C-alpha atoms as a PDB file:
ATOM      1  CA  UNK A   1     106.431  83.114 110.087  1.00  0.00           C
ATOM      2  CA  UNK A   2     102.824  83.854 108.963  1.00  0.00           C
ATOM      3  CA  UNK A   3     101.624  86.075 106.011  1.00  0.00           C
ATOM      4  CA  UNK A   4     101.911  89.037 108.165  1.00  0.00           C
ATOM      5  CA  UNK A   5     105.575  89.854 107.295  1.00  0.00           C
ATOM      6  CA  UNK A   6     104.532  93.070 105.566  1.00  0.00           C
ATOM      7  CA  UNK A   7     102.663  94.237 108.481  1.00  0.00           C
ATOM      8  CA  UNK A   8     105.534  93.789 110.918  1.00  0.00           C
ATOM      9  CA  UNK A   9     107.815  96.434 110.273  1.00  0.00           C
ATOM     10  CA  UNK A  10     105.501  99.339 110.399  1.00  0.00           C
ATOM     11  CA  UNK A  11     103.871  97.535 113.487  1.00  0.00           C
ATOM     12  CA  UNK A  12     107.209  97.436 115.137  1.00  0.00           C
ATOM     13  CA  UNK A  13     107.387 101.457 114.671  1.00  0.00           C
ATOM     14  CA  UNK A  14     104.174 101.878 116.042  1.00  0.00           C
ATOM     15  CA  UNK A  15     105.263 100.036 119.182  1.00  0.00           C
ATOM     16  CA  UNK A  16     108.515 102.019 119.333  1.00  0.00           C
ATOM     17  CA  UNK A  17     106.110 105.054 119.798  1.00  0.00           C
ATOM     18  CA  UNK A  18     104.170 103.824 122.775  1.00  0.00           C
ATOM     19  CA  UNK A  19     106.510 101.847 124.849  1.00  0.00           C
ATOM     20  CA  UNK A  20     108.560 103.268 127.709  1.00  0.00           C
ATOM     21  CA  UNK A  21     111.295 100.724 127.639  1.00  0.00           C
ATOM     22  CA  UNK A  22     114.343 100.288 125.336  1.00  0.00           C
ATOM     23  CA  UNK A  23     113.865  97.080 122.962  1.00  0.00           C
ATOM     24  CA  UNK A  24     115.818  96.280 119.799  1.00  0.00           C
ATOM     25  CA  UNK A  25     113.171  96.543 117.096  1.00  0.00           C
ATOM     26  CA  UNK A  26     114.789  93.624 115.371  1.00  0.00           C
ATOM     27  CA  UNK A  27     113.925  91.396 118.474  1.00  0.00           C
ATOM     28  CA  UNK A  28     110.301  92.283 117.909  1.00  0.00           C
ATOM     29  CA  UNK A  29     108.678  89.480 115.993  1.00  0.00           C
ATOM     30  CA  UNK A  30     105.137  87.599 116.020  1.00  0.00           C
ATOM     31  CA  UNK A  31     105.578  85.699 119.106  1.00  0.00           C
ATOM     32  CA  UNK A  32     106.625  88.940 121.136  1.00  0.00           C
ATOM     33  CA  UNK A  33     104.000  89.271 124.055  1.00  0.00           C
ATOM     34  CA  UNK A  34     102.632  92.545 124.251  1.00  0.00           C
ATOM     35  CA  UNK A  35     102.536  92.756 128.222  1.00  0.00           C
ATOM     36  CA  UNK A  36     105.635  90.792 129.290  1.00  0.00           C
ATOM     37  CA  UNK A  37     107.979  91.370 126.537  1.00  0.00           C
ATOM     38  CA  UNK A  38     106.872  95.031 125.437  1.00  0.00           C
ATOM     39  CA  UNK A  39     105.657  96.328 129.026  1.00  0.00           C
ATOM     40  CA  UNK A  40     102.288  97.684 126.971  1.00  0.00           C
ATOM     41  CA  UNK A  41      99.651  98.184 129.602  1.00  0.00           C
ATOM     42  CA  UNK A  42      95.801  98.693 128.561  1.00  0.00           C
ATOM     43  CA  UNK A  43      96.316 102.325 128.315  1.00  0.00           C
ATOM     44  CA  UNK A  44      99.465 101.918 125.914  1.00  0.00           C
ATOM     45  CA  UNK A  45      97.503  99.420 124.245  1.00  0.00           C
ATOM     46  CA  UNK A  46      94.826 101.816 123.351  1.00  0.00           C
ATOM     47  CA  UNK A  47      97.067 104.051 121.986  1.00  0.00           C
ATOM     48  CA  UNK A  48      98.628 101.363 119.785  1.00  0.00           C
ATOM     49  CA  UNK A  49      95.306 100.349 118.302  1.00  0.00           C
ATOM     50  CA  UNK A  50      94.666 104.063 117.470  1.00  0.00           C
ATOM     51  CA  UNK A  51      97.916 104.489 115.680  1.00  0.00           C
ATOM     52  CA  UNK A  52      97.306 101.302 114.071  1.00  0.00           C
ATOM     53  CA  UNK A  53      93.785 102.192 112.884  1.00  0.00           C
ATOM     54  CA  UNK A  54      95.689 105.409 111.617  1.00  0.00           C
ATOM     55  CA  UNK A  55      98.583 103.857 109.942  1.00  0.00           C
ATOM     56  CA  UNK A  56      96.886 100.650 108.450  1.00  0.00           C
ATOM     57  CA  UNK A  57      93.326 102.411 107.139  1.00  0.00           C
ATOM     58  CA  UNK A  58      91.368 100.017 109.377  1.00  0.00           C
ATOM     59  CA  UNK A  59      88.617 100.580 112.121  1.00  0.00           C
ATOM     60  CA  UNK A  60      89.162  98.409 114.914  1.00  0.00           C
ATOM     61  CA  UNK A  61      86.233  99.827 117.223  1.00  0.00           C
ATOM     62  CA  UNK A  62      84.119  97.040 116.699  1.00  0.00           C
ATOM     63  CA  UNK A  63      86.711  94.518 117.692  1.00  0.00           C
ATOM     64  CA  UNK A  64      86.860  95.373 121.586  1.00  0.00           C
ATOM     65  CA  UNK A  65      86.642  91.541 122.554  1.00  0.00           C
ATOM     66  CA  UNK A  66      89.514  90.649 119.957  1.00  0.00           C
ATOM     67  CA  UNK A  67      91.675  93.531 121.191  1.00  0.00           C
ATOM     68  CA  UNK A  68      91.060  92.452 124.735  1.00  0.00           C
ATOM     69  CA  UNK A  69      92.346  89.025 123.772  1.00  0.00           C
ATOM     70  CA  UNK A  70      95.764  90.293 121.973  1.00  0.00           C
ATOM     71  CA  UNK A  71      98.482  88.585 123.706  1.00  0.00           C
ATOM     72  CA  UNK A  72     101.137  88.557 121.157  1.00  0.00           C
ATOM     73  CA  UNK A  73     102.339  90.637 118.193  1.00  0.00           C
ATOM     74  CA  UNK A  74     101.165  88.189 116.139  1.00  0.00           C
ATOM     75  CA  UNK A  75      97.569  88.490 117.572  1.00  0.00           C
ATOM     76  CA  UNK A  76      97.555  92.145 116.892  1.00  0.00           C
ATOM     77  CA  UNK A  77      98.854  91.615 113.230  1.00  0.00           C
ATOM     78  CA  UNK A  78      95.972  88.845 112.471  1.00  0.00           C
ATOM     79  CA  UNK A  79      93.378  91.449 113.915  1.00  0.00           C
ATOM     80  CA  UNK A  80      94.757  94.299 111.568  1.00  0.00           C
ATOM     81  CA  UNK A  81      95.000  91.819 108.410  1.00  0.00           C
ATOM     82  CA  UNK A  82      91.354  90.871 109.318  1.00  0.00           C
ATOM     83  CA  UNK A  83      90.198  94.097 109.285  1.00  0.00           C
ATOM     84  CA  UNK A  84      92.083  94.962 105.930  1.00  0.00           C
ATOM     85  CA  UNK A  85      90.779  91.799 104.458  1.00  0.00           C
ATOM     86  CA  UNK A  86      87.422  92.812 105.305  1.00  0.00           C
ATOM     87  CA  UNK A  87      87.921  96.605 103.981  1.00  0.00           C
ATOM     88  CA  UNK A  88      89.118  95.054 100.758  1.00  0.00           C
ATOM     89  CA  UNK A  89      85.807  92.973 100.611  1.00  0.00           C
ATOM     90  CA  UNK A  90      83.943  95.818 101.242  1.00  0.00           C
ATOM     91  CA  UNK A  91      82.568  94.370 104.248  1.00  0.00           C
ATOM     92  CA  UNK A  92      82.721  95.244 107.940  1.00  0.00           C
ATOM     93  CA  UNK A  93      85.333  93.178 109.846  1.00  0.00           C
END
């Protein structure tokens, strides 16, 4: 597991808010695919991004290309972690 371990549980909670299928939260890890495993479509991904911005105190609006490239939970966590690090450094991500 990468350095995103602290982000995973709250992110899984956000996932539960946007998916329409039943998934055991314990089965969601960084390798879980957004589309195939969680059935998150582009509209639900936009909702997940908005919830993530609110929950993690980051602005992901400048990362449209990176958001479009999100394939796994780990990809999303890496983007959130990068935005948090940029906020901590006082620079735009």
